């Protein structure tokens, strides 16, 4: 056998092995996201009935491989908030803070916006393109004050059920039903 034939055959075998490895890595072993300890807290703002404070606490666990979060959405089957004169059934969670850095159970309503702004200014991070390492746990919280929907006869109450959290990651999405805890 000539050296050129042996080199060509070796290159062909190496190419097939490389193609097999890439196929295995890109198509067979995909990262999988698991949501642990999810919690949705809702507190009506007593002074102004159209406002609600919300807190979402999550633990994200990457199984099998690393994952990259693309987008996180809070959804409801009915319209629940109004932004810039548009009634919305979903909002995107752009930034988060370390897990339970603010706790809706402990913070006073009158201090909520200032405390949330201060923590977010110092410690928030983007959820877009957030990486969760293989077998790692990422614990986050999201806080916001939502404006309810104005109807002709007054303000609509925030829905008590029908809440979902949708996480788009890599080429996959995970949708999880949330049961809110109403804090008075």
C-alpha atoms as a PDB file:
ATOM      1  CA  UNK A   1       0.000   0.000   0.000  1.00  0.00           C
ATOM      2  CA  UNK A   2       1.295   3.418  -0.904  1.00  0.00           C
ATOM      3  CA  UNK A   3       1.798   6.113   1.719  1.00  0.00           C
ATOM      4  CA  UNK A   4      -0.627   8.480  -0.079  1.00  0.00           C
ATOM      5  CA  UNK A   5      -3.398   5.866  -0.028  1.00  0.00           C
ATOM      6  CA  UNK A   6      -2.796   5.174   3.659  1.00  0.00           C
ATOM      7  CA  UNK A   7      -2.855   8.913   4.483  1.00  0.00           C
ATOM      8  CA  UNK A   8      -6.082   9.418   2.464  1.00  0.00           C
ATOM      9  CA  UNK A   9      -7.723   6.452   4.185  1.00  0.00           C
ATOM     10  CA  UNK A  10      -6.589   7.710   7.617  1.00  0.00           C
ATOM     11  CA  UNK A  11      -7.937  11.206   6.863  1.00  0.00           C
ATOM     12  CA  UNK A  12     -11.262   9.702   5.762  1.00  0.00           C
ATOM     13  CA  UNK A  13     -11.566   7.670   8.996  1.00  0.00           C
ATOM     14  CA  UNK A  14     -10.629  10.727  11.074  1.00  0.00           C
ATOM     15  CA  UNK A  15     -13.264  12.808   9.248  1.00  0.00           C
ATOM     16  CA  UNK A  16     -15.962  10.189   9.900  1.00  0.00           C
ATOM     17  CA  UNK A  17     -14.990  10.008  13.583  1.00  0.00           C
ATOM     18  CA  UNK A  18     -15.086  13.817  13.866  1.00  0.00           C
ATOM     19  CA  UNK A  19     -18.490  13.950  12.156  1.00  0.00           C
ATOM     20  CA  UNK A  20     -19.792  11.264  14.544  1.00  0.00           C
ATOM     21  CA  UNK A  21     -18.517  13.197  17.558  1.00  0.00           C
ATOM     22  CA  UNK A  22     -20.117  16.467  16.355  1.00  0.00           C
ATOM     23  CA  UNK A  23     -23.421  14.701  15.663  1.00  0.00           C
ATOM     24  CA  UNK A  24     -23.354  13.159  19.131  1.00  0.00           C
ATOM     25  CA  UNK A  25     -22.451  16.445  20.844  1.00  0.00           C
ATOM     26  CA  UNK A  26     -24.835  18.724  18.924  1.00  0.00           C
ATOM     27  CA  UNK A  27     -27.870  16.481  18.465  1.00  0.00           C
ATOM     28  CA  UNK A  28     -27.854  13.682  21.011  1.00  0.00           C
ATOM     29  CA  UNK A  29     -26.486  15.329  24.166  1.00  0.00           C
ATOM     30  CA  UNK A  30     -28.491  18.493  24.758  1.00  0.00           C
ATOM     31  CA  UNK A  31     -28.608  20.449  27.944  1.00  0.00           C
ATOM     32  CA  UNK A  32     -31.854  20.156  29.829  1.00  0.00           C
ATOM     33  CA  UNK A  33     -33.257  22.768  32.196  1.00  0.00           C
ATOM     34  CA  UNK A  34     -35.069  21.911  35.382  1.00  0.00           C
ATOM     35  CA  UNK A  35     -36.888  24.498  37.519  1.00  0.00           C
ATOM     36  CA  UNK A  36     -36.680  23.790  41.226  1.00  0.00           C
ATOM     37  CA  UNK A  37     -38.391  25.557  44.116  1.00  0.00           C
ATOM     38  CA  UNK A  38     -40.326  28.000  41.931  1.00  0.00           C
ATOM     39  CA  UNK A  39     -42.423  30.540  43.786  1.00  0.00           C
ATOM     40  CA  UNK A  40     -44.647  33.443  42.703  1.00  0.00           C
ATOM     41  CA  UNK A  41     -45.552  35.946  45.409  1.00  0.00           C
ATOM     42  CA  UNK A  42     -48.147  38.670  44.785  1.00  0.00           C
ATOM     43  CA  UNK A  43     -48.926  41.530  47.139  1.00  0.00           C
ATOM     44  CA  UNK A  44     -51.597  44.164  46.397  1.00  0.00           C
ATOM     45  CA  UNK A  45     -50.444  47.736  47.007  1.00  0.00           C
ATOM     46  CA  UNK A  46     -53.128  48.792  49.487  1.00  0.00           C
ATOM     47  CA  UNK A  47     -52.844  52.541  48.920  1.00  0.00           C
ATOM     48  CA  UNK A  48     -53.375  52.272  45.161  1.00  0.00           C
ATOM     49  CA  UNK A  49     -55.572  49.340  44.059  1.00  0.00           C
ATOM     50  CA  UNK A  50     -54.146  49.272  40.535  1.00  0.00           C
ATOM     51  CA  UNK A  51     -50.616  48.292  41.638  1.00  0.00           C
ATOM     52  CA  UNK A  52     -49.243  44.898  42.661  1.00  0.00           C
ATOM     53  CA  UNK A  53     -45.795  43.927  43.889  1.00  0.00           C
ATOM     54  CA  UNK A  54     -44.589  40.587  42.579  1.00  0.00           C
ATOM     55  CA  UNK A  55     -41.621  38.396  43.378  1.00  0.00           C
ATOM     56  CA  UNK A  56     -40.559  35.269  41.502  1.00  0.00           C
ATOM     57  CA  UNK A  57     -38.008  33.000  43.160  1.00  0.00           C
ATOM     58  CA  UNK A  58     -36.392  30.298  41.023  1.00  0.00           C
ATOM     59  CA  UNK A  59     -33.656  27.731  41.120  1.00  0.00           C
ATOM     60  CA  UNK A  60     -32.428  26.757  37.657  1.00  0.00           C
ATOM     61  CA  UNK A  61     -30.645  23.414  37.302  1.00  0.00           C
ATOM     62  CA  UNK A  62     -28.779  22.421  34.116  1.00  0.00           C
ATOM     63  CA  UNK A  63     -28.795  18.692  33.434  1.00  0.00           C
ATOM     64  CA  UNK A  64     -26.658  16.800  30.908  1.00  0.00           C
ATOM     65  CA  UNK A  65     -24.866  19.871  29.484  1.00  0.00           C
ATOM     66  CA  UNK A  66     -24.473  23.653  29.822  1.00  0.00           C
ATOM     67  CA  UNK A  67     -27.457  25.776  28.837  1.00  0.00           C
ATOM     68  CA  UNK A  68     -27.878  29.395  27.754  1.00  0.00           C
ATOM     69  CA  UNK A  69     -31.048  31.232  28.730  1.00  0.00           C
ATOM     70  CA  UNK A  70     -32.466  33.280  25.856  1.00  0.00           C
ATOM     71  CA  UNK A  71     -35.642  34.671  27.383  1.00  0.00           C
ATOM     72  CA  UNK A  72     -37.798  34.327  30.519  1.00  0.00           C
ATOM     73  CA  UNK A  73     -41.502  35.229  30.381  1.00  0.00           C
ATOM     74  CA  UNK A  74     -44.273  35.467  32.968  1.00  0.00           C
ATOM     75  CA  UNK A  75     -47.565  34.529  31.297  1.00  0.00           C
ATOM     76  CA  UNK A  76     -51.235  34.410  32.143  1.00  0.00           C
ATOM     77  CA  UNK A  77     -54.175  33.264  30.060  1.00  0.00           C
ATOM     78  CA  UNK A  78     -55.882  36.618  30.706  1.00  0.00           C
ATOM     79  CA  UNK A  79     -54.636  40.182  30.397  1.00  0.00           C
ATOM     80  CA  UNK A  80     -52.986  41.130  33.697  1.00  0.00           C
ATOM     81  CA  UNK A  81     -50.957  44.303  33.194  1.00  0.00           C
ATOM     82  CA  UNK A  82     -50.805  47.451  31.151  1.00  0.00           C
ATOM     83  CA  UNK A  83     -47.646  49.062  29.791  1.00  0.00           C
ATOM     84  CA  UNK A  84     -47.637  52.108  27.569  1.00  0.00           C
ATOM     85  CA  UNK A  85     -51.386  51.753  26.900  1.00  0.00           C
ATOM     86  CA  UNK A  86     -51.087  48.104  25.798  1.00  0.00           C
ATOM     87  CA  UNK A  87     -52.844  45.362  27.727  1.00  0.00           C
ATOM     88  CA  UNK A  88     -50.490  42.399  28.109  1.00  0.00           C
ATOM     89  CA  UNK A  89     -50.839  38.677  28.822  1.00  0.00           C
ATOM     90  CA  UNK A  90     -47.073  38.294  29.237  1.00  0.00           C
ATOM     91  CA  UNK A  91     -44.065  40.231  30.439  1.00  0.00           C
ATOM     92  CA  UNK A  92     -40.407  39.509  29.834  1.00  0.00           C
ATOM     93  CA  UNK A  93     -38.089  39.265  32.807  1.00  0.00           C
ATOM     94  CA  UNK A  94     -34.942  41.083  31.664  1.00  0.00           C
ATOM     95  CA  UNK A  95     -32.920  41.350  34.873  1.00  0.00           C
ATOM     96  CA  UNK A  96     -32.774  39.419  38.138  1.00  0.00           C
ATOM     97  CA  UNK A  97     -31.005  39.568  41.489  1.00  0.00           C
ATOM     98  CA  UNK A  98     -29.477  36.916  43.754  1.00  0.00           C
ATOM     99  CA  UNK A  99     -32.035  34.582  45.328  1.00  0.00           C
ATOM    100  CA  UNK A 100     -34.247  36.249  47.963  1.00  0.00           C
ATOM    101  CA  UNK A 101     -32.024  39.333  48.201  1.00  0.00           C
ATOM    102  CA  UNK A 102     -35.355  41.100  48.700  1.00  0.00           C
ATOM    103  CA  UNK A 103     -38.176  39.281  50.423  1.00  0.00           C
ATOM    104  CA  UNK A 104     -41.730  40.410  49.779  1.00  0.00           C
ATOM    105  CA  UNK A 105     -42.749  39.037  53.188  1.00  0.00           C
ATOM    106  CA  UNK A 106     -40.418  41.421  55.035  1.00  0.00           C
ATOM    107  CA  UNK A 107     -40.251  44.612  52.978  1.00  0.00           C
ATOM    108  CA  UNK A 108     -42.707  47.419  53.724  1.00  0.00           C
ATOM    109  CA  UNK A 109     -44.989  48.522  50.894  1.00  0.00           C
ATOM    110  CA  UNK A 110     -43.942  52.162  51.185  1.00  0.00           C
ATOM    111  CA  UNK A 111     -40.226  51.217  50.883  1.00  0.00           C
ATOM    112  CA  UNK A 112     -40.651  48.630  48.127  1.00  0.00           C
ATOM    113  CA  UNK A 113     -39.767  50.710  45.055  1.00  0.00           C
ATOM    114  CA  UNK A 114     -36.732  52.385  46.664  1.00  0.00           C
ATOM    115  CA  UNK A 115     -35.374  49.121  48.062  1.00  0.00           C
ATOM    116  CA  UNK A 116     -35.888  47.254  44.779  1.00  0.00           C
ATOM    117  CA  UNK A 117     -34.248  50.064  42.780  1.00  0.00           C
ATOM    118  CA  UNK A 118     -31.242  50.136  45.145  1.00  0.00           C
ATOM    119  CA  UNK A 119     -30.677  46.374  45.010  1.00  0.00           C
ATOM    120  CA  UNK A 120     -31.180  46.214  41.231  1.00  0.00           C
ATOM    121  CA  UNK A 121     -28.744  49.117  40.711  1.00  0.00           C
ATOM    122  CA  UNK A 122     -26.035  47.301  42.674  1.00  0.00           C
ATOM    123  CA  UNK A 123     -26.602  43.579  42.149  1.00  0.00           C
ATOM    124  CA  UNK A 124     -28.835  42.817  39.178  1.00  0.00           C
ATOM    125  CA  UNK A 125     -27.705  40.778  36.189  1.00  0.00           C
ATOM    126  CA  UNK A 126     -29.147  40.092  32.766  1.00  0.00           C
ATOM    127  CA  UNK A 127     -31.204  36.956  32.213  1.00  0.00           C
ATOM    128  CA  UNK A 128     -30.639  37.132  28.466  1.00  0.00           C
ATOM    129  CA  UNK A 129     -27.696  34.902  27.489  1.00  0.00           C
ATOM    130  CA  UNK A 130     -27.233  33.791  31.093  1.00  0.00           C
ATOM    131  CA  UNK A 131     -25.237  30.563  31.211  1.00  0.00           C
ATOM    132  CA  UNK A 132     -25.979  27.744  33.632  1.00  0.00           C
ATOM    133  CA  UNK A 133     -23.156  25.215  33.850  1.00  0.00           C
ATOM    134  CA  UNK A 134     -23.727  21.480  33.579  1.00  0.00           C
ATOM    135  CA  UNK A 135     -25.024  20.070  36.899  1.00  0.00           C
ATOM    136  CA  UNK A 136     -24.929  23.572  38.426  1.00  0.00           C
ATOM    137  CA  UNK A 137     -27.699  25.384  40.235  1.00  0.00           C
ATOM    138  CA  UNK A 138     -28.420  29.081  39.611  1.00  0.00           C
ATOM    139  CA  UNK A 139     -30.754  30.709  42.163  1.00  0.00           C
ATOM    140  CA  UNK A 140     -32.426  33.970  41.190  1.00  0.00           C
ATOM    141  CA  UNK A 141     -35.248  36.324  42.156  1.00  0.00           C
ATOM    142  CA  UNK A 142     -37.222  38.792  40.083  1.00  0.00           C
ATOM    143  CA  UNK A 143     -39.118  41.711  41.605  1.00  0.00           C
ATOM    144  CA  UNK A 144     -41.438  44.266  40.015  1.00  0.00           C
ATOM    145  CA  UNK A 145     -44.438  46.467  40.617  1.00  0.00           C
ATOM    146  CA  UNK A 146     -47.133  45.834  38.039  1.00  0.00           C
ATOM    147  CA  UNK A 147     -49.940  48.116  37.055  1.00  0.00           C
ATOM    148  CA  UNK A 148     -53.286  46.384  36.678  1.00  0.00           C
ATOM    149  CA  UNK A 149     -55.680  46.790  33.776  1.00  0.00           C
ATOM    150  CA  UNK A 150     -58.048  49.756  33.760  1.00  0.00           C
ATOM    151  CA  UNK A 151     -61.612  48.997  32.695  1.00  0.00           C
ATOM    152  CA  UNK A 152     -64.482  51.449  32.340  1.00  0.00           C
ATOM    153  CA  UNK A 153     -65.831  50.588  35.786  1.00  0.00           C
ATOM    154  CA  UNK A 154     -62.491  50.507  37.620  1.00  0.00           C
ATOM    155  CA  UNK A 155     -59.336  48.451  37.972  1.00  0.00           C
ATOM    156  CA  UNK A 156     -59.301  44.726  37.273  1.00  0.00           C
ATOM    157  CA  UNK A 157     -57.870  42.494  39.978  1.00  0.00           C
ATOM    158  CA  UNK A 158     -54.768  40.490  39.194  1.00  0.00           C
ATOM    159  CA  UNK A 159     -55.753  36.915  38.219  1.00  0.00           C
ATOM    160  CA  UNK A 160     -55.335  34.332  40.978  1.00  0.00           C
ATOM    161  CA  UNK A 161     -54.656  31.413  38.639  1.00  0.00           C
ATOM    162  CA  UNK A 162     -53.486  30.631  35.119  1.00  0.00           C
ATOM    163  CA  UNK A 163     -49.874  31.740  35.747  1.00  0.00           C
ATOM    164  CA  UNK A 164     -47.015  30.155  33.818  1.00  0.00           C
ATOM    165  CA  UNK A 165     -43.306  30.743  33.553  1.00  0.00           C
ATOM    166  CA  UNK A 166     -41.760  30.158  30.134  1.00  0.00           C
ATOM    167  CA  UNK A 167     -37.991  29.822  29.798  1.00  0.00           C
ATOM    168  CA  UNK A 168     -36.495  29.735  26.313  1.00  0.00           C
ATOM    169  CA  UNK A 169     -33.014  28.236  26.302  1.00  0.00           C
ATOM    170  CA  UNK A 170     -30.739  26.954  23.557  1.00  0.00           C
ATOM    171  CA  UNK A 171     -33.250  25.560  21.007  1.00  0.00           C
ATOM    172  CA  UNK A 172     -35.797  24.457  23.582  1.00  0.00           C
ATOM    173  CA  UNK A 173     -38.409  25.945  25.891  1.00  0.00           C
ATOM    174  CA  UNK A 174     -39.685  24.976  29.306  1.00  0.00           C
ATOM    175  CA  UNK A 175     -43.137  26.020  30.516  1.00  0.00           C
ATOM    176  CA  UNK A 176     -44.006  25.586  34.166  1.00  0.00           C
ATOM    177  CA  UNK A 177     -47.309  26.361  35.919  1.00  0.00           C
ATOM    178  CA  UNK A 178     -46.975  28.664  38.932  1.00  0.00           C
ATOM    179  CA  UNK A 179     -49.364  28.790  41.857  1.00  0.00           C
ATOM    180  CA  UNK A 180     -49.227  32.277  43.361  1.00  0.00           C
ATOM    181  CA  UNK A 181     -49.160  33.024  47.053  1.00  0.00           C
ATOM    182  CA  UNK A 182     -51.137  36.172  47.810  1.00  0.00           C
ATOM    183  CA  UNK A 183     -49.573  38.233  50.609  1.00  0.00           C
ATOM    184  CA  UNK A 184     -51.811  40.673  52.450  1.00  0.00           C
END
